[in-house]
């Protein structure tokens, strides 16, 4: 199906050199347009799909719709599909009570990307300074039990959650550090200058010291 003139005009503005800031500028002009978002999404291309996420109507993101978006993301590389799902969370799913409730139900979802968002959202509650829900003990126990056997995209988010729990909750810090020591996840991994390593003993020490915790 041929793109509408509006979609064609937008697609003509996007090329491999387009940055996220450029996409945000385009999205700001469009505001919210779910029909256009779905048209851009149907291109199957990474950057138009990132733009599509910015202009979606979160009120129309049912579990069924998210499942379809998730299925579509499987056509992308590992890096692109995790970026798309995380982008969807940050720009849409985390901004509405209904979709937050959906994310909170995804701990045992058959979809690795949806399980990733369950954990990523739990981490986000903590690092953004919200009062975390009273589920920290359950989260730490689940991480201890399942992280070693999880899919890589879910492992990262579970590890990230353990990191922020270890930073902000001294009671659980030793257990979170031990998770890193036992699994060895991300140990010795090179990170860009100014970035915190994902290896839990290092992550927790660095981020705790930054905050004098």
C-alpha atoms as a PDB file:
ATOM      1  CA  UNK A   1       0.000   0.000   0.000  1.00  0.00           C
ATOM      2  CA  UNK A   2       1.405   3.373  -1.049  1.00  0.00           C
ATOM      3  CA  UNK A   3       2.212   5.743   1.857  1.00  0.00           C
ATOM      4  CA  UNK A   4      -0.032   8.799   2.261  1.00  0.00           C
ATOM      5  CA  UNK A   5       1.405  12.168   1.126  1.00  0.00           C
ATOM      6  CA  UNK A   6       1.969  13.103   4.793  1.00  0.00           C
ATOM      7  CA  UNK A   7       3.887   9.878   5.458  1.00  0.00           C
ATOM      8  CA  UNK A   8       5.897  10.311   2.244  1.00  0.00           C
ATOM      9  CA  UNK A   9       6.845  13.841   3.297  1.00  0.00           C
ATOM     10  CA  UNK A  10       8.022  12.637   6.715  1.00  0.00           C
ATOM     11  CA  UNK A  11       9.910   9.642   5.329  1.00  0.00           C
ATOM     12  CA  UNK A  12      11.746  11.981   2.940  1.00  0.00           C
ATOM     13  CA  UNK A  13      13.148  13.800   6.016  1.00  0.00           C
ATOM     14  CA  UNK A  14      14.618  10.617   7.518  1.00  0.00           C
ATOM     15  CA  UNK A  15      17.949   9.117   6.462  1.00  0.00           C
ATOM     16  CA  UNK A  16      20.760   7.121   8.130  1.00  0.00           C
ATOM     17  CA  UNK A  17      22.268  10.375   9.478  1.00  0.00           C
ATOM     18  CA  UNK A  18      19.022  11.327  11.268  1.00  0.00           C
ATOM     19  CA  UNK A  19      19.505  11.597  15.039  1.00  0.00           C
ATOM     20  CA  UNK A  20      17.041  11.059  17.881  1.00  0.00           C
ATOM     21  CA  UNK A  21      16.877  14.809  18.396  1.00  0.00           C
ATOM     22  CA  UNK A  22      15.758  15.217  14.794  1.00  0.00           C
ATOM     23  CA  UNK A  23      13.018  12.619  15.299  1.00  0.00           C
ATOM     24  CA  UNK A  24      11.846  14.392  18.445  1.00  0.00           C
ATOM     25  CA  UNK A  25      11.672  17.680  16.504  1.00  0.00           C
ATOM     26  CA  UNK A  26       9.509  16.076  13.804  1.00  0.00           C
ATOM     27  CA  UNK A  27       7.322  14.431  16.474  1.00  0.00           C
ATOM     28  CA  UNK A  28       6.860  17.759  18.255  1.00  0.00           C
ATOM     29  CA  UNK A  29       5.397  19.250  15.082  1.00  0.00           C
ATOM     30  CA  UNK A  30       3.079  16.280  14.509  1.00  0.00           C
ATOM     31  CA  UNK A  31       2.102  15.876  18.193  1.00  0.00           C
ATOM     32  CA  UNK A  32      -0.154  12.793  18.464  1.00  0.00           C
ATOM     33  CA  UNK A  33      -1.344  10.933  15.377  1.00  0.00           C
ATOM     34  CA  UNK A  34      -1.882   7.217  15.911  1.00  0.00           C
ATOM     35  CA  UNK A  35      -2.981   6.516  12.343  1.00  0.00           C
ATOM     36  CA  UNK A  36       0.150   8.151  10.957  1.00  0.00           C
ATOM     37  CA  UNK A  37       2.227   6.308  13.566  1.00  0.00           C
ATOM     38  CA  UNK A  38       0.899   2.968  12.339  1.00  0.00           C
ATOM     39  CA  UNK A  39       1.637   3.973   8.753  1.00  0.00           C
ATOM     40  CA  UNK A  40       5.244   4.826   9.647  1.00  0.00           C
ATOM     41  CA  UNK A  41       5.499   1.614  11.671  1.00  0.00           C
ATOM     42  CA  UNK A  42       4.357  -0.421   8.656  1.00  0.00           C
ATOM     43  CA  UNK A  43       7.532   0.581   6.764  1.00  0.00           C
ATOM     44  CA  UNK A  44       9.452  -1.938   8.889  1.00  0.00           C
ATOM     45  CA  UNK A  45      12.359   0.524   9.118  1.00  0.00           C
ATOM     46  CA  UNK A  46      14.087   1.307  12.421  1.00  0.00           C
ATOM     47  CA  UNK A  47      14.095   5.136  12.389  1.00  0.00           C
ATOM     48  CA  UNK A  48      10.508   5.542  11.113  1.00  0.00           C
ATOM     49  CA  UNK A  49       9.451   3.082  13.814  1.00  0.00           C
ATOM     50  CA  UNK A  50      11.223   5.161  16.462  1.00  0.00           C
ATOM     51  CA  UNK A  51       9.333   8.210  15.220  1.00  0.00           C
ATOM     52  CA  UNK A  52       6.092   6.211  15.148  1.00  0.00           C
ATOM     53  CA  UNK A  53       6.504   5.397  18.844  1.00  0.00           C
ATOM     54  CA  UNK A  54       6.794   9.103  19.673  1.00  0.00           C
ATOM     55  CA  UNK A  55       3.464  10.009  18.043  1.00  0.00           C
ATOM     56  CA  UNK A  56       1.384   6.977  19.082  1.00  0.00           C
ATOM     57  CA  UNK A  57      -1.700   7.433  21.248  1.00  0.00           C
ATOM     58  CA  UNK A  58      -0.942   5.563  24.470  1.00  0.00           C
ATOM     59  CA  UNK A  59      -4.668   5.176  25.130  1.00  0.00           C
ATOM     60  CA  UNK A  60      -4.829   2.840  22.118  1.00  0.00           C
ATOM     61  CA  UNK A  61      -1.988   0.578  23.257  1.00  0.00           C
ATOM     62  CA  UNK A  62      -3.861  -2.541  24.362  1.00  0.00           C
ATOM     63  CA  UNK A  63      -2.119  -5.822  25.192  1.00  0.00           C
ATOM     64  CA  UNK A  64      -3.124  -7.093  21.748  1.00  0.00           C
ATOM     65  CA  UNK A  65      -1.587  -4.052  20.017  1.00  0.00           C
ATOM     66  CA  UNK A  66       1.617  -4.328  22.062  1.00  0.00           C
ATOM     67  CA  UNK A  67       1.849  -8.043  21.212  1.00  0.00           C
ATOM     68  CA  UNK A  68       1.712  -7.146  17.520  1.00  0.00           C
ATOM     69  CA  UNK A  69       4.359  -4.418  17.908  1.00  0.00           C
ATOM     70  CA  UNK A  70       6.486  -6.934  19.815  1.00  0.00           C
ATOM     71  CA  UNK A  71       6.079  -9.490  17.008  1.00  0.00           C
ATOM     72  CA  UNK A  72       7.063  -6.863  14.427  1.00  0.00           C
ATOM     73  CA  UNK A  73      10.179  -5.967  16.434  1.00  0.00           C
ATOM     74  CA  UNK A  74      11.456  -9.527  16.053  1.00  0.00           C
ATOM     75  CA  UNK A  75      12.404  -8.634  12.472  1.00  0.00           C
ATOM     76  CA  UNK A  76      15.081  -6.249  13.800  1.00  0.00           C
ATOM     77  CA  UNK A  77      18.546  -6.991  15.124  1.00  0.00           C
ATOM     78  CA  UNK A  78      18.941  -7.653  18.868  1.00  0.00           C
ATOM     79  CA  UNK A  79      20.166  -4.097  19.485  1.00  0.00           C
ATOM     80  CA  UNK A  80      17.388  -2.464  17.462  1.00  0.00           C
ATOM     81  CA  UNK A  81      14.533  -4.481  18.948  1.00  0.00           C
ATOM     82  CA  UNK A  82      15.637  -3.830  22.532  1.00  0.00           C
ATOM     83  CA  UNK A  83      15.996  -0.125  21.705  1.00  0.00           C
ATOM     84  CA  UNK A  84      12.508  -0.033  20.187  1.00  0.00           C
ATOM     85  CA  UNK A  85      10.929  -1.769  23.179  1.00  0.00           C
ATOM     86  CA  UNK A  86      12.767   0.431  25.697  1.00  0.00           C
ATOM     87  CA  UNK A  87      11.772   3.510  23.654  1.00  0.00           C
ATOM     88  CA  UNK A  88       8.152   2.355  23.719  1.00  0.00           C
ATOM     89  CA  UNK A  89       8.312   2.056  27.505  1.00  0.00           C
ATOM     90  CA  UNK A  90       9.940   5.435  28.107  1.00  0.00           C
ATOM     91  CA  UNK A  91       7.779   7.419  25.687  1.00  0.00           C
ATOM     92  CA  UNK A  92       4.404   5.688  26.004  1.00  0.00           C
ATOM     93  CA  UNK A  93       3.913   2.745  28.351  1.00  0.00           C
ATOM     94  CA  UNK A  94       5.337   4.411  31.489  1.00  0.00           C
ATOM     95  CA  UNK A  95       3.008   7.422  31.053  1.00  0.00           C
ATOM     96  CA  UNK A  96      -0.397   5.810  31.521  1.00  0.00           C
ATOM     97  CA  UNK A  97      -1.826   3.847  34.460  1.00  0.00           C
ATOM     98  CA  UNK A  98      -3.377   1.244  32.171  1.00  0.00           C
ATOM     99  CA  UNK A  99      -0.126   0.450  30.344  1.00  0.00           C
ATOM    100  CA  UNK A 100       1.880   0.579  33.593  1.00  0.00           C
ATOM    101  CA  UNK A 101      -0.472  -2.105  34.917  1.00  0.00           C
ATOM    102  CA  UNK A 102       0.218  -4.150  31.792  1.00  0.00           C
ATOM    103  CA  UNK A 103       3.993  -3.875  32.300  1.00  0.00           C
ATOM    104  CA  UNK A 104       3.624  -4.908  35.918  1.00  0.00           C
ATOM    105  CA  UNK A 105       1.894  -8.100  34.734  1.00  0.00           C
ATOM    106  CA  UNK A 106       4.731  -9.168  32.411  1.00  0.00           C
ATOM    107  CA  UNK A 107       7.139 -10.831  34.866  1.00  0.00           C
ATOM    108  CA  UNK A 108       6.320 -14.267  33.409  1.00  0.00           C
ATOM    109  CA  UNK A 109       5.266 -13.167  29.914  1.00  0.00           C
ATOM    110  CA  UNK A 110       6.157 -15.609  27.112  1.00  0.00           C
ATOM    111  CA  UNK A 111       7.760 -12.613  25.359  1.00  0.00           C
ATOM    112  CA  UNK A 112      11.376 -11.864  26.389  1.00  0.00           C
ATOM    113  CA  UNK A 113      10.903  -8.205  25.390  1.00  0.00           C
ATOM    114  CA  UNK A 114       7.883  -7.873  27.656  1.00  0.00           C
ATOM    115  CA  UNK A 115       9.699  -9.616  30.524  1.00  0.00           C
ATOM    116  CA  UNK A 116      12.539  -7.133  29.921  1.00  0.00           C
ATOM    117  CA  UNK A 117      10.132  -4.239  30.385  1.00  0.00           C
ATOM    118  CA  UNK A 118       8.730  -5.693  33.601  1.00  0.00           C
ATOM    119  CA  UNK A 119      12.246  -5.541  35.062  1.00  0.00           C
ATOM    120  CA  UNK A 120      13.317  -2.332  33.382  1.00  0.00           C
ATOM    121  CA  UNK A 121      10.262  -0.555  34.761  1.00  0.00           C
ATOM    122  CA  UNK A 122      11.046  -1.810  38.291  1.00  0.00           C
ATOM    123  CA  UNK A 123      14.574  -0.426  37.926  1.00  0.00           C
ATOM    124  CA  UNK A 124      13.218   2.844  36.565  1.00  0.00           C
ATOM    125  CA  UNK A 125      10.977   3.340  39.608  1.00  0.00           C
ATOM    126  CA  UNK A 126      14.076   3.234  41.768  1.00  0.00           C
ATOM    127  CA  UNK A 127      16.596   5.224  39.734  1.00  0.00           C
ATOM    128  CA  UNK A 128      14.106   8.021  39.018  1.00  0.00           C
ATOM    129  CA  UNK A 129      13.580   8.515  42.726  1.00  0.00           C
ATOM    130  CA  UNK A 130      10.021   7.257  43.018  1.00  0.00           C
ATOM    131  CA  UNK A 131       9.096   5.477  46.228  1.00  0.00           C
ATOM    132  CA  UNK A 132       9.442   1.859  45.130  1.00  0.00           C
ATOM    133  CA  UNK A 133       6.560  -0.548  45.623  1.00  0.00           C
ATOM    134  CA  UNK A 134       6.917  -2.968  48.551  1.00  0.00           C
ATOM    135  CA  UNK A 135       8.100  -5.819  46.324  1.00  0.00           C
ATOM    136  CA  UNK A 136      11.879  -5.539  46.708  1.00  0.00           C
ATOM    137  CA  UNK A 137      12.289  -8.826  48.598  1.00  0.00           C
ATOM    138  CA  UNK A 138      10.313 -10.689  45.898  1.00  0.00           C
ATOM    139  CA  UNK A 139      12.339  -9.039  43.129  1.00  0.00           C
ATOM    140  CA  UNK A 140      15.700  -9.869  44.682  1.00  0.00           C
ATOM    141  CA  UNK A 141      14.634 -13.480  45.317  1.00  0.00           C
ATOM    142  CA  UNK A 142      13.434 -13.820  41.708  1.00  0.00           C
ATOM    143  CA  UNK A 143      16.684 -12.338  40.366  1.00  0.00           C
ATOM    144  CA  UNK A 144      18.750 -14.730  42.488  1.00  0.00           C
ATOM    145  CA  UNK A 145      16.716 -17.671  41.251  1.00  0.00           C
ATOM    146  CA  UNK A 146      16.256 -16.889  37.551  1.00  0.00           C
ATOM    147  CA  UNK A 147      18.799 -14.415  36.189  1.00  0.00           C
ATOM    148  CA  UNK A 148      21.366 -17.016  35.173  1.00  0.00           C
ATOM    149  CA  UNK A 149      18.867 -18.825  32.930  1.00  0.00           C
ATOM    150  CA  UNK A 150      17.141 -15.811  31.380  1.00  0.00           C
ATOM    151  CA  UNK A 151      17.379 -14.516  27.818  1.00  0.00           C
ATOM    152  CA  UNK A 152      20.149 -11.888  27.355  1.00  0.00           C
ATOM    153  CA  UNK A 153      17.717  -8.988  26.890  1.00  0.00           C
ATOM    154  CA  UNK A 154      15.930  -9.923  30.132  1.00  0.00           C
ATOM    155  CA  UNK A 155      19.179 -10.641  32.004  1.00  0.00           C
ATOM    156  CA  UNK A 156      20.355  -7.088  31.394  1.00  0.00           C
ATOM    157  CA  UNK A 157      17.155  -5.593  32.840  1.00  0.00           C
ATOM    158  CA  UNK A 158      17.174  -7.920  35.861  1.00  0.00           C
ATOM    159  CA  UNK A 159      20.820  -7.014  36.452  1.00  0.00           C
ATOM    160  CA  UNK A 160      19.942  -3.307  36.130  1.00  0.00           C
ATOM    161  CA  UNK A 161      17.164  -3.702  38.700  1.00  0.00           C
ATOM    162  CA  UNK A 162      19.519  -5.507  41.094  1.00  0.00           C
ATOM    163  CA  UNK A 163      21.995  -2.676  40.621  1.00  0.00           C
ATOM    164  CA  UNK A 164      19.577   0.064  41.629  1.00  0.00           C
ATOM    165  CA  UNK A 165      18.181  -1.967  44.515  1.00  0.00           C
ATOM    166  CA  UNK A 166      21.753  -2.427  45.719  1.00  0.00           C
ATOM    167  CA  UNK A 167      22.412   1.303  45.437  1.00  0.00           C
ATOM    168  CA  UNK A 168      19.304   2.576  47.211  1.00  0.00           C
ATOM    169  CA  UNK A 169      18.552  -0.210  49.695  1.00  0.00           C
ATOM    170  CA  UNK A 170      21.507  -1.123  51.914  1.00  0.00           C
ATOM    171  CA  UNK A 171      19.565  -4.032  53.361  1.00  0.00           C
ATOM    172  CA  UNK A 172      19.768  -5.827  50.009  1.00  0.00           C
ATOM    173  CA  UNK A 173      23.157  -4.546  48.884  1.00  0.00           C
ATOM    174  CA  UNK A 174      25.183  -7.647  49.862  1.00  0.00           C
ATOM    175  CA  UNK A 175      22.738  -9.965  48.067  1.00  0.00           C
ATOM    176  CA  UNK A 176      22.786  -7.844  44.926  1.00  0.00           C
ATOM    177  CA  UNK A 177      26.576  -7.739  44.908  1.00  0.00           C
ATOM    178  CA  UNK A 178      26.621 -11.512  45.367  1.00  0.00           C
ATOM    179  CA  UNK A 179      24.386 -11.962  42.308  1.00  0.00           C
ATOM    180  CA  UNK A 180      27.064 -10.227  40.246  1.00  0.00           C
ATOM    181  CA  UNK A 181      29.872 -12.238  41.783  1.00  0.00           C
ATOM    182  CA  UNK A 182      28.099 -15.562  41.289  1.00  0.00           C
ATOM    183  CA  UNK A 183      26.892 -14.976  37.725  1.00  0.00           C
ATOM    184  CA  UNK A 184      29.908 -12.992  36.546  1.00  0.00           C
ATOM    185  CA  UNK A 185      27.568 -11.097  34.199  1.00  0.00           C
ATOM    186  CA  UNK A 186      29.311  -8.174  32.450  1.00  0.00           C
ATOM    187  CA  UNK A 187      32.547  -8.674  34.438  1.00  0.00           C
ATOM    188  CA  UNK A 188      35.459  -7.089  32.605  1.00  0.00           C
ATOM    189  CA  UNK A 189      33.194  -5.575  29.971  1.00  0.00           C
ATOM    190  CA  UNK A 190      34.590  -2.373  28.432  1.00  0.00           C
ATOM    191  CA  UNK A 191      32.419   0.735  28.838  1.00  0.00           C
ATOM    192  CA  UNK A 192      32.647   4.207  27.330  1.00  0.00           C
ATOM    193  CA  UNK A 193      34.321   6.963  29.335  1.00  0.00           C
ATOM    194  CA  UNK A 194      31.949   8.334  31.976  1.00  0.00           C
ATOM    195  CA  UNK A 195      29.662   5.273  31.845  1.00  0.00           C
ATOM    196  CA  UNK A 196      29.153   2.943  34.804  1.00  0.00           C
ATOM    197  CA  UNK A 197      30.026  -0.750  34.264  1.00  0.00           C
ATOM    198  CA  UNK A 198      27.078  -3.159  34.422  1.00  0.00           C
ATOM    199  CA  UNK A 199      29.020  -5.654  36.604  1.00  0.00           C
ATOM    200  CA  UNK A 200      27.035  -5.426  39.837  1.00  0.00           C
ATOM    201  CA  UNK A 201      29.865  -5.088  42.414  1.00  0.00           C
ATOM    202  CA  UNK A 202      31.325  -2.178  40.406  1.00  0.00           C
ATOM    203  CA  UNK A 203      27.971  -0.633  39.470  1.00  0.00           C
ATOM    204  CA  UNK A 204      26.728  -0.605  43.060  1.00  0.00           C
ATOM    205  CA  UNK A 205      29.986   0.780  44.463  1.00  0.00           C
ATOM    206  CA  UNK A 206      30.272   3.580  41.884  1.00  0.00           C
ATOM    207  CA  UNK A 207      26.616   4.662  41.952  1.00  0.00           C
ATOM    208  CA  UNK A 208      26.427   4.451  45.774  1.00  0.00           C
ATOM    209  CA  UNK A 209      29.546   6.591  46.130  1.00  0.00           C
ATOM    210  CA  UNK A 210      28.099   9.193  43.715  1.00  0.00           C
ATOM    211  CA  UNK A 211      25.141   9.574  46.048  1.00  0.00           C
ATOM    212  CA  UNK A 212      27.044   9.094  49.343  1.00  0.00           C
ATOM    213  CA  UNK A 213      24.766   6.148  50.133  1.00  0.00           C
END
